[in-house]
Amino acid sequence: MHHDTLVHMHRNPGSRVSAYAPGKIQRVPNQPKTPNRVIRVDDELWTDYGRACEDEGLVRAEDMRAHMQRKVRAWKRRRTTEQRDDG
């Protein structure tokens, strides 16, 4: 897929929120290639989360990845501790 194509946005008719997207998206380096994930989030939460991240100088995706990494590290520590206790 060529990344210098027109952007098509689907408008949610029930949403009060309008979205701005530039006419073209830029080529983004993706090394190593990570798959895209789709999640369902209501418009108000998505907008507020975007504003909160922006105020902190963060990008939503980066903040979500950091949260997932913290969660997984904590989970792995708990599993290691539980396995030691069981052994």
C-alpha atoms as a PDB file:
ATOM      1  CA  MET A   1       0.000   0.000   0.000  1.00  0.00           C
ATOM      2  CA  HIS A   2       1.319   3.397  -0.910  1.00  0.00           C
ATOM      3  CA  HIS A   3       1.231   5.828   2.036  1.00  0.00           C
ATOM      4  CA  ASP A   4       0.964   8.991  -0.020  1.00  0.00           C
ATOM      5  CA  THR A   5      -2.724   8.575  -0.773  1.00  0.00           C
ATOM      6  CA  LEU A   6      -5.784  10.615   0.052  1.00  0.00           C
ATOM      7  CA  VAL A   7      -7.170  10.186   3.541  1.00  0.00           C
ATOM      8  CA  HIS A   8     -10.737   8.943   3.814  1.00  0.00           C
ATOM      9  CA  MET A   9     -12.452   9.465   7.151  1.00  0.00           C
ATOM     10  CA  HIS A  10     -15.687   7.847   8.278  1.00  0.00           C
ATOM     11  CA  ARG A  11     -17.833  10.250  10.234  1.00  0.00           C
ATOM     12  CA  ASN A  12     -19.767   8.949  13.183  1.00  0.00           C
ATOM     13  CA  PRO A  13     -23.236  10.509  12.680  1.00  0.00           C
ATOM     14  CA  GLY A  14     -23.994  10.334  16.409  1.00  0.00           C
ATOM     15  CA  SER A  15     -20.825  12.191  17.412  1.00  0.00           C
ATOM     16  CA  ARG A  16     -20.535  15.861  18.264  1.00  0.00           C
ATOM     17  CA  VAL A  17     -16.795  15.632  17.672  1.00  0.00           C
ATOM     18  CA  SER A  18     -15.353  16.552  14.318  1.00  0.00           C
ATOM     19  CA  ALA A  19     -11.966  15.308  13.233  1.00  0.00           C
ATOM     20  CA  TYR A  20      -9.294  17.076  11.247  1.00  0.00           C
ATOM     21  CA  ALA A  21      -7.063  15.101   8.944  1.00  0.00           C
ATOM     22  CA  PRO A  22      -4.585  16.463   6.412  1.00  0.00           C
ATOM     23  CA  GLY A  23      -5.288  15.664   2.789  1.00  0.00           C
ATOM     24  CA  LYS A  24      -2.324  13.306   2.615  1.00  0.00           C
ATOM     25  CA  ILE A  25      -0.592  11.168   5.166  1.00  0.00           C
ATOM     26  CA  GLN A  26       3.174  11.054   5.312  1.00  0.00           C
ATOM     27  CA  ARG A  27       5.329   7.961   5.095  1.00  0.00           C
ATOM     28  CA  VAL A  28       6.070   6.820   8.654  1.00  0.00           C
ATOM     29  CA  PRO A  29       9.083   4.642   9.427  1.00  0.00           C
ATOM     30  CA  ASN A  30       7.897   1.410  10.977  1.00  0.00           C
ATOM     31  CA  GLN A  31      10.928  -0.658  11.924  1.00  0.00           C
ATOM     32  CA  PRO A  32      10.375  -3.393  12.820  1.00  0.00           C
ATOM     33  CA  LYS A  33       6.958  -3.571  11.249  1.00  0.00           C
ATOM     34  CA  THR A  34       4.452  -3.682  14.059  1.00  0.00           C
ATOM     35  CA  PRO A  35       0.882  -4.745  13.289  1.00  0.00           C
ATOM     36  CA  ASN A  36      -1.947  -2.280  13.695  1.00  0.00           C
ATOM     37  CA  ARG A  37      -4.485  -3.067  16.415  1.00  0.00           C
ATOM     38  CA  VAL A  38      -8.083  -1.945  16.460  1.00  0.00           C
ATOM     39  CA  ILE A  39      -9.801  -1.037  19.723  1.00  0.00           C
ATOM     40  CA  ARG A  40     -13.259   0.306  20.440  1.00  0.00           C
ATOM     41  CA  VAL A  41     -13.340   3.542  22.448  1.00  0.00           C
ATOM     42  CA  ASP A  42     -16.202   6.005  22.662  1.00  0.00           C
ATOM     43  CA  ASP A  43     -15.600   9.381  21.006  1.00  0.00           C
ATOM     44  CA  GLU A  44     -15.650  11.479  24.179  1.00  0.00           C
ATOM     45  CA  LEU A  45     -13.064   9.300  25.954  1.00  0.00           C
ATOM     46  CA  TRP A  46     -10.846   9.204  22.822  1.00  0.00           C
ATOM     47  CA  THR A  47     -10.962  12.985  22.476  1.00  0.00           C
ATOM     48  CA  ASP A  48     -10.293  13.650  26.165  1.00  0.00           C
ATOM     49  CA  TYR A  49      -7.477  11.082  26.194  1.00  0.00           C
ATOM     50  CA  GLY A  50      -5.921  12.758  23.157  1.00  0.00           C
ATOM     51  CA  ARG A  51      -6.080  16.146  24.874  1.00  0.00           C
ATOM     52  CA  ALA A  52      -4.607  14.743  28.102  1.00  0.00           C
ATOM     53  CA  CYS A  53      -1.740  13.140  26.169  1.00  0.00           C
ATOM     54  CA  GLU A  54      -1.161  16.317  24.159  1.00  0.00           C
ATOM     55  CA  ASP A  55      -0.969  18.410  27.351  1.00  0.00           C
ATOM     56  CA  GLU A  56       1.776  16.047  28.549  1.00  0.00           C
ATOM     57  CA  GLY A  57       3.602  16.101  25.205  1.00  0.00           C
ATOM     58  CA  LEU A  58       2.699  12.476  24.493  1.00  0.00           C
ATOM     59  CA  VAL A  59       1.235  10.615  21.546  1.00  0.00           C
ATOM     60  CA  ARG A  60      -1.710   8.333  22.337  1.00  0.00           C
ATOM     61  CA  ALA A  61      -0.067   5.239  20.835  1.00  0.00           C
ATOM     62  CA  GLU A  62       3.174   5.811  22.736  1.00  0.00           C
ATOM     63  CA  ASP A  63       1.275   6.306  25.999  1.00  0.00           C
ATOM     64  CA  MET A  64      -0.779   3.153  25.438  1.00  0.00           C
ATOM     65  CA  ARG A  65       2.353   1.112  24.660  1.00  0.00           C
ATOM     66  CA  ALA A  66       4.063   2.438  27.812  1.00  0.00           C
ATOM     67  CA  HIS A  67       0.997   1.492  29.884  1.00  0.00           C
ATOM     68  CA  MET A  68       0.941  -2.003  28.370  1.00  0.00           C
ATOM     69  CA  GLN A  69       4.658  -2.460  29.017  1.00  0.00           C
ATOM     70  CA  ARG A  70       4.257  -1.461  32.698  1.00  0.00           C
ATOM     71  CA  LYS A  71       1.268  -3.791  33.054  1.00  0.00           C
ATOM     72  CA  VAL A  72       3.120  -6.745  31.496  1.00  0.00           C
ATOM     73  CA  ARG A  73       6.276  -6.170  33.595  1.00  0.00           C
ATOM     74  CA  ALA A  74       4.179  -6.128  36.791  1.00  0.00           C
ATOM     75  CA  TRP A  75       2.313  -9.257  35.679  1.00  0.00           C
ATOM     76  CA  LYS A  76       5.579 -11.083  34.934  1.00  0.00           C
ATOM     77  CA  ARG A  77       6.998 -10.095  38.349  1.00  0.00           C
ATOM     78  CA  ARG A  78       3.880 -11.438  40.077  1.00  0.00           C
ATOM     79  CA  ARG A  79       4.067 -14.693  38.103  1.00  0.00           C
ATOM     80  CA  THR A  80       7.748 -15.134  38.953  1.00  0.00           C
ATOM     81  CA  THR A  81       7.038 -14.525  42.644  1.00  0.00           C
ATOM     82  CA  GLU A  82       4.080 -16.938  42.637  1.00  0.00           C
ATOM     83  CA  GLN A  83       6.118 -19.632  40.887  1.00  0.00           C
ATOM     84  CA  ARG A  84       8.920 -19.237  43.446  1.00  0.00           C
ATOM     85  CA  ASP A  85       6.426 -19.486  46.305  1.00  0.00           C
ATOM     86  CA  ASP A  86       4.848 -22.642  44.787  1.00  0.00           C
ATOM     87  CA  GLY A  87       8.215 -24.319  44.201  1.00  0.00           C
END
